Amino acid sequence: YQQKKYSEGNINVENNNLILGSTL
């Protein structure tokens, strides 16, 4: 699970990424 939040100027960005069943 990866969550990333950042802002550039007036733009607020949030990424919520979930990698399920990562299998080798």
PDB file of all heavy atoms in Angstrom:
ATOM      1  N   TYR A   1       0.863  -1.191   0.000  1.00  0.00           N
ATOM      2  CA  TYR A   1       0.000   0.000   0.000  1.00  0.00           C
ATOM      3  C   TYR A   1       0.893   1.233   0.000  1.00  0.00           C
ATOM      4  O   TYR A   1       1.810   1.344   0.808  1.00  0.00           O
ATOM      5  CB  TYR A   1      -0.921   0.031   1.221  1.00  0.00           C
ATOM      6  CG  TYR A   1      -1.715   1.322   1.312  1.00  0.00           C
ATOM      7  CD1 TYR A   1      -2.781   1.573   0.450  1.00  0.00           C
ATOM      8  CD2 TYR A   1      -1.376   2.310   2.235  1.00  0.00           C
ATOM      9  CE1 TYR A   1      -3.490   2.760   0.517  1.00  0.00           C
ATOM     10  CE2 TYR A   1      -2.077   3.495   2.317  1.00  0.00           C
ATOM     11  CZ  TYR A   1      -3.134   3.707   1.446  1.00  0.00           C
ATOM     12  OH  TYR A   1      -3.835   4.894   1.511  1.00  0.00           O
ATOM     13  N   GLN A   2       0.617   2.152  -0.906  1.00  0.00           N
ATOM     14  CA  GLN A   2       1.429   3.357  -1.041  1.00  0.00           C
ATOM     15  C   GLN A   2       0.512   4.578  -1.091  1.00  0.00           C
ATOM     16  O   GLN A   2      -0.429   4.616  -1.891  1.00  0.00           O
ATOM     17  CB  GLN A   2       2.266   3.289  -2.314  1.00  0.00           C
ATOM     18  CG  GLN A   2       3.199   4.476  -2.506  1.00  0.00           C
ATOM     19  CD  GLN A   2       3.951   4.390  -3.819  1.00  0.00           C
ATOM     20  OE1 GLN A   2       3.336   4.341  -4.880  1.00  0.00           O
ATOM     21  NE2 GLN A   2       5.263   4.372  -3.751  1.00  0.00           N
ATOM     22  N   GLN A   3       0.788   5.532  -0.240  1.00  0.00           N
ATOM     23  CA  GLN A   3       0.045   6.790  -0.254  1.00  0.00           C
ATOM     24  C   GLN A   3       1.031   7.941  -0.400  1.00  0.00           C
ATOM     25  O   GLN A   3       2.032   8.010   0.315  1.00  0.00           O
ATOM     26  CB  GLN A   3      -0.764   6.970   1.032  1.00  0.00           C
ATOM     27  CG  GLN A   3      -1.630   8.238   1.015  1.00  0.00           C
ATOM     28  CD  GLN A   3      -2.367   8.437   2.333  1.00  0.00           C
ATOM     29  OE1 GLN A   3      -1.747   8.668   3.358  1.00  0.00           O
ATOM     30  NE2 GLN A   3      -3.686   8.339   2.297  1.00  0.00           N
ATOM     31  N   LYS A   4       0.736   8.816  -1.326  1.00  0.00           N
ATOM     32  CA  LYS A   4       1.622   9.948  -1.585  1.00  0.00           C
ATOM     33  C   LYS A   4       0.778  11.200  -1.717  1.00  0.00           C
ATOM     34  O   LYS A   4      -0.191  11.236  -2.477  1.00  0.00           O
ATOM     35  CB  LYS A   4       2.427   9.706  -2.866  1.00  0.00           C
ATOM     36  CG  LYS A   4       3.455  10.781  -3.170  1.00  0.00           C
ATOM     37  CD  LYS A   4       4.255  10.432  -4.416  1.00  0.00           C
ATOM     38  CE  LYS A   4       5.325  11.470  -4.710  1.00  0.00           C
ATOM     39  NZ  LYS A   4       6.098  11.137  -5.934  1.00  0.00           N
ATOM     40  N   LYS A   5       1.159  12.223  -0.990  1.00  0.00           N
ATOM     41  CA  LYS A   5       0.485  13.521  -1.064  1.00  0.00           C
ATOM     42  C   LYS A   5       1.518  14.610  -1.303  1.00  0.00           C
ATOM     43  O   LYS A   5       2.581  14.607  -0.680  1.00  0.00           O
ATOM     44  CB  LYS A   5      -0.270  13.830   0.232  1.00  0.00           C
ATOM     45  CG  LYS A   5      -1.436  12.907   0.524  1.00  0.00           C
ATOM     46  CD  LYS A   5      -2.145  13.322   1.807  1.00  0.00           C
ATOM     47  CE  LYS A   5      -3.329  12.434   2.111  1.00  0.00           C
ATOM     48  NZ  LYS A   5      -4.044  12.846   3.358  1.00  0.00           N
ATOM     49  N   TYR A   6       1.206  15.496  -2.220  1.00  0.00           N
ATOM     50  CA  TYR A   6       2.110  16.607  -2.470  1.00  0.00           C
ATOM     51  C   TYR A   6       1.330  17.748  -3.113  1.00  0.00           C
ATOM     52  O   TYR A   6       0.189  17.580  -3.570  1.00  0.00           O
ATOM     53  CB  TYR A   6       3.292  16.179  -3.352  1.00  0.00           C
ATOM     54  CG  TYR A   6       2.914  15.703  -4.730  1.00  0.00           C
ATOM     55  CD1 TYR A   6       2.865  16.574  -5.822  1.00  0.00           C
ATOM     56  CD2 TYR A   6       2.615  14.362  -4.958  1.00  0.00           C
ATOM     57  CE1 TYR A   6       2.521  16.136  -7.091  1.00  0.00           C
ATOM     58  CE2 TYR A   6       2.279  13.911  -6.214  1.00  0.00           C
ATOM     59  CZ  TYR A   6       2.230  14.800  -7.276  1.00  0.00           C
ATOM     60  OH  TYR A   6       1.884  14.355  -8.523  1.00  0.00           O
ATOM     61  N   SER A   7       1.950  18.882  -3.141  1.00  0.00           N
ATOM     62  CA  SER A   7       1.319  20.064  -3.735  1.00  0.00           C
ATOM     63  C   SER A   7       2.338  20.814  -4.564  1.00  0.00           C
ATOM     64  O   SER A   7       3.519  20.888  -4.216  1.00  0.00           O
ATOM     65  CB  SER A   7       0.738  20.976  -2.648  1.00  0.00           C
ATOM     66  OG  SER A   7       1.759  21.425  -1.770  1.00  0.00           O
ATOM     67  N   GLU A   8       1.872  21.344  -5.674  1.00  0.00           N
ATOM     68  CA  GLU A   8       2.677  22.197  -6.546  1.00  0.00           C
ATOM     69  C   GLU A   8       1.853  23.433  -6.882  1.00  0.00           C
ATOM     70  O   GLU A   8       0.876  23.345  -7.624  1.00  0.00           O
ATOM     71  CB  GLU A   8       3.071  21.448  -7.824  1.00  0.00           C
ATOM     72  CG  GLU A   8       4.177  20.430  -7.635  1.00  0.00           C
ATOM     73  CD  GLU A   8       4.647  19.836  -8.952  1.00  0.00           C
ATOM     74  OE1 GLU A   8       3.780  19.484  -9.764  1.00  0.00           O
ATOM     75  OE2 GLU A   8       5.864  19.759  -9.174  1.00  0.00           O
ATOM     76  N   GLY A   9       2.241  24.534  -6.287  1.00  0.00           N
ATOM     77  CA  GLY A   9       1.464  25.747  -6.486  1.00  0.00           C
ATOM     78  C   GLY A   9       0.077  25.597  -5.885  1.00  0.00           C
ATOM     79  O   GLY A   9      -0.079  25.284  -4.704  1.00  0.00           O
ATOM     80  N   ASN A  10      -0.958  25.787  -6.714  1.00  0.00           N
ATOM     81  CA  ASN A  10      -2.335  25.678  -6.249  1.00  0.00           C
ATOM     82  C   ASN A  10      -2.929  24.293  -6.467  1.00  0.00           C
ATOM     83  O   ASN A  10      -4.122  24.085  -6.251  1.00  0.00           O
ATOM     84  CB  ASN A  10      -3.199  26.721  -6.974  1.00  0.00           C
ATOM     85  CG  ASN A  10      -2.789  28.139  -6.641  1.00  0.00           C
ATOM     86  OD1 ASN A  10      -2.375  28.426  -5.501  1.00  0.00           O
ATOM     87  ND2 ASN A  10      -2.879  29.045  -7.620  1.00  0.00           N
ATOM     88  N   ILE A  11      -2.125  23.343  -6.906  1.00  0.00           N
ATOM     89  CA  ILE A  11      -2.618  22.000  -7.201  1.00  0.00           C
ATOM     90  C   ILE A  11      -2.226  21.055  -6.067  1.00  0.00           C
ATOM     91  O   ILE A  11      -1.057  20.911  -5.734  1.00  0.00           O
ATOM     92  CB  ILE A  11      -2.038  21.471  -8.532  1.00  0.00           C
ATOM     93  CG1 ILE A  11      -2.421  22.403  -9.685  1.00  0.00           C
ATOM     94  CG2 ILE A  11      -2.539  20.057  -8.807  1.00  0.00           C
ATOM     95  CD1 ILE A  11      -1.814  22.008 -11.004  1.00  0.00           C
ATOM     96  N   ASN A  12      -3.248  20.423  -5.461  1.00  0.00           N
ATOM     97  CA  ASN A  12      -3.033  19.429  -4.421  1.00  0.00           C
ATOM     98  C   ASN A  12      -3.298  18.039  -5.003  1.00  0.00           C
ATOM     99  O   ASN A  12      -4.361  17.781  -5.563  1.00  0.00           O
ATOM    100  CB  ASN A  12      -3.968  19.680  -3.236  1.00  0.00           C
ATOM    101  CG  ASN A  12      -3.699  21.018  -2.570  1.00  0.00           C
ATOM    102  OD1 ASN A  12      -2.539  21.373  -2.336  1.00  0.00           O
ATOM    103  ND2 ASN A  12      -4.756  21.766  -2.271  1.00  0.00           N
ATOM    104  N   VAL A  13      -2.323  17.162  -4.854  1.00  0.00           N
ATOM    105  CA  VAL A  13      -2.410  15.833  -5.460  1.00  0.00           C
ATOM    106  C   VAL A  13      -2.275  14.770  -4.375  1.00  0.00           C
ATOM    107  O   VAL A  13      -1.448  14.886  -3.471  1.00  0.00           O
ATOM    108  CB  VAL A  13      -1.316  15.624  -6.524  1.00  0.00           C
ATOM    109  CG1 VAL A  13      -1.409  14.221  -7.123  1.00  0.00           C
ATOM    110  CG2 VAL A  13      -1.426  16.680  -7.615  1.00  0.00           C
ATOM    111  N   GLU A  14      -3.102  13.739  -4.473  1.00  0.00           N
ATOM    112  CA  GLU A  14      -3.020  12.589  -3.579  1.00  0.00           C
ATOM    113  C   GLU A  14      -3.127  11.309  -4.399  1.00  0.00           C
ATOM    114  O   GLU A  14      -4.058  11.142  -5.187  1.00  0.00           O
ATOM    115  CB  GLU A  14      -4.129  12.616  -2.526  1.00  0.00           C
ATOM    116  CG  GLU A  14      -4.105  11.402  -1.606  1.00  0.00           C
ATOM    117  CD  GLU A  14      -5.215  11.441  -0.557  1.00  0.00           C
ATOM    118  OE1 GLU A  14      -5.797  12.525  -0.357  1.00  0.00           O
ATOM    119  OE2 GLU A  14      -5.502  10.388   0.044  1.00  0.00           O
ATOM    120  N   ASN A  15      -2.164  10.406  -4.221  1.00  0.00           N
ATOM    121  CA  ASN A  15      -2.185   9.107  -4.890  1.00  0.00           C
ATOM    122  C   ASN A  15      -2.309   8.011  -3.837  1.00  0.00           C
ATOM    123  O   ASN A  15      -1.522   7.954  -2.894  1.00  0.00           O
ATOM    124  CB  ASN A  15      -0.898   8.879  -5.696  1.00  0.00           C
ATOM    125  CG  ASN A  15      -0.793   9.814  -6.881  1.00  0.00           C
ATOM    126  OD1 ASN A  15      -1.779  10.124  -7.532  1.00  0.00           O
ATOM    127  ND2 ASN A  15       0.408  10.284  -7.166  1.00  0.00           N
ATOM    128  N   ASN A  16      -3.311   7.135  -4.002  1.00  0.00           N
ATOM    129  CA  ASN A  16      -3.485   5.976  -3.135  1.00  0.00           C
ATOM    130  C   ASN A  16      -3.384   4.722  -4.015  1.00  0.00           C
ATOM    131  O   ASN A  16      -4.289   4.449  -4.814  1.00  0.00           O
ATOM    132  CB  ASN A  16      -4.840   6.011  -2.433  1.00  0.00           C
ATOM    133  CG  ASN A  16      -4.956   7.195  -1.485  1.00  0.00           C
ATOM    134  OD1 ASN A  16      -4.092   7.405  -0.649  1.00  0.00           O
ATOM    135  ND2 ASN A  16      -6.007   7.976  -1.624  1.00  0.00           N
ATOM    136  N   ASN A  17      -2.294   3.991  -3.886  1.00  0.00           N
ATOM    137  CA  ASN A  17      -2.052   2.822  -4.722  1.00  0.00           C
ATOM    138  C   ASN A  17      -2.004   1.570  -3.861  1.00  0.00           C
ATOM    139  O   ASN A  17      -1.325   1.526  -2.836  1.00  0.00           O
ATOM    140  CB  ASN A  17      -0.737   2.962  -5.487  1.00  0.00           C
ATOM    141  CG  ASN A  17      -0.754   4.148  -6.436  1.00  0.00           C
ATOM    142  OD1 ASN A  17      -1.789   4.504  -6.993  1.00  0.00           O
ATOM    143  ND2 ASN A  17       0.393   4.778  -6.619  1.00  0.00           N
ATOM    144  N   LEU A  18      -2.737   0.540  -4.300  1.00  0.00           N
ATOM    145  CA  LEU A  18      -2.759  -0.749  -3.610  1.00  0.00           C
ATOM    146  C   LEU A  18      -2.385  -1.838  -4.614  1.00  0.00           C
ATOM    147  O   LEU A  18      -3.053  -2.001  -5.643  1.00  0.00           O
ATOM    148  CB  LEU A  18      -4.140  -1.022  -3.021  1.00  0.00           C
ATOM    149  CG  LEU A  18      -4.310  -2.358  -2.286  1.00  0.00           C
ATOM    150  CD1 LEU A  18      -3.378  -2.419  -1.075  1.00  0.00           C
ATOM    151  CD2 LEU A  18      -5.754  -2.561  -1.868  1.00  0.00           C
ATOM    152  N   ILE A  19      -1.294  -2.550  -4.331  1.00  0.00           N
ATOM    153  CA  ILE A  19      -0.865  -3.661  -5.175  1.00  0.00           C
ATOM    154  C   ILE A  19      -1.208  -4.945  -4.436  1.00  0.00           C
ATOM    155  O   ILE A  19      -0.615  -5.272  -3.406  1.00  0.00           O
ATOM    156  CB  ILE A  19       0.641  -3.589  -5.483  1.00  0.00           C
ATOM    157  CG1 ILE A  19       0.950  -2.309  -6.269  1.00  0.00           C
ATOM    158  CG2 ILE A  19       1.097  -4.814  -6.270  1.00  0.00           C
ATOM    159  CD1 ILE A  19       2.426  -2.090  -6.533  1.00  0.00           C
ATOM    160  N   LEU A  20      -2.195  -5.693  -4.965  1.00  0.00           N
ATOM    161  CA  LEU A  20      -2.672  -6.922  -4.349  1.00  0.00           C
ATOM    162  C   LEU A  20      -2.104  -8.129  -5.084  1.00  0.00           C
ATOM    163  O   LEU A  20      -1.894  -8.096  -6.291  1.00  0.00           O
ATOM    164  CB  LEU A  20      -4.199  -6.977  -4.387  1.00  0.00           C
ATOM    165  CG  LEU A  20      -4.941  -5.963  -3.518  1.00  0.00           C
ATOM    166  CD1 LEU A  20      -6.426  -5.975  -3.849  1.00  0.00           C
ATOM    167  CD2 LEU A  20      -4.727  -6.267  -2.049  1.00  0.00           C
ATOM    168  N   GLY A  21      -1.905  -9.203  -4.362  1.00  0.00           N
ATOM    169  CA  GLY A  21      -1.472 -10.443  -4.992  1.00  0.00           C
ATOM    170  C   GLY A  21      -0.156 -10.318  -5.721  1.00  0.00           C
ATOM    171  O   GLY A  21       0.056 -10.978  -6.745  1.00  0.00           O
ATOM    172  N   SER A  22       0.727  -9.456  -5.223  1.00  0.00           N
ATOM    173  CA  SER A  22       2.060  -9.351  -5.820  1.00  0.00           C
ATOM    174  C   SER A  22       2.760 -10.697  -5.633  1.00  0.00           C
ATOM    175  O   SER A  22       3.098 -11.077  -4.513  1.00  0.00           O
ATOM    176  CB  SER A  22       2.848  -8.221  -5.154  1.00  0.00           C
ATOM    177  OG  SER A  22       4.144  -8.145  -5.671  1.00  0.00           O
ATOM    178  N   THR A  23       2.948 -11.427  -6.713  1.00  0.00           N
ATOM    179  CA  THR A  23       3.329 -12.832  -6.623  1.00  0.00           C
ATOM    180  C   THR A  23       4.571 -13.136  -7.443  1.00  0.00           C
ATOM    181  O   THR A  23       4.694 -12.706  -8.586  1.00  0.00           O
ATOM    182  CB  THR A  23       2.174 -13.728  -7.115  1.00  0.00           C
ATOM    183  OG1 THR A  23       1.004 -13.446  -6.355  1.00  0.00           O
ATOM    184  CG2 THR A  23       2.528 -15.199  -6.957  1.00  0.00           C
ATOM    185  N   LEU A  24       5.478 -13.896  -6.851  1.00  0.00           N
ATOM    186  CA  LEU A  24       6.624 -14.460  -7.548  1.00  0.00           C
ATOM    187  C   LEU A  24       6.600 -15.967  -7.332  1.00  0.00           C
ATOM    188  O   LEU A  24       6.612 -16.441  -6.194  1.00  0.00           O
ATOM    189  CB  LEU A  24       7.938 -13.881  -7.025  1.00  0.00           C
ATOM    190  CG  LEU A  24       9.225 -14.476  -7.614  1.00  0.00           C
ATOM    191  CD1 LEU A  24       9.309 -14.192  -9.119  1.00  0.00           C
ATOM    192  CD2 LEU A  24      10.452 -13.933  -6.903  1.00  0.00           C
TER     193      LEU A  24
END
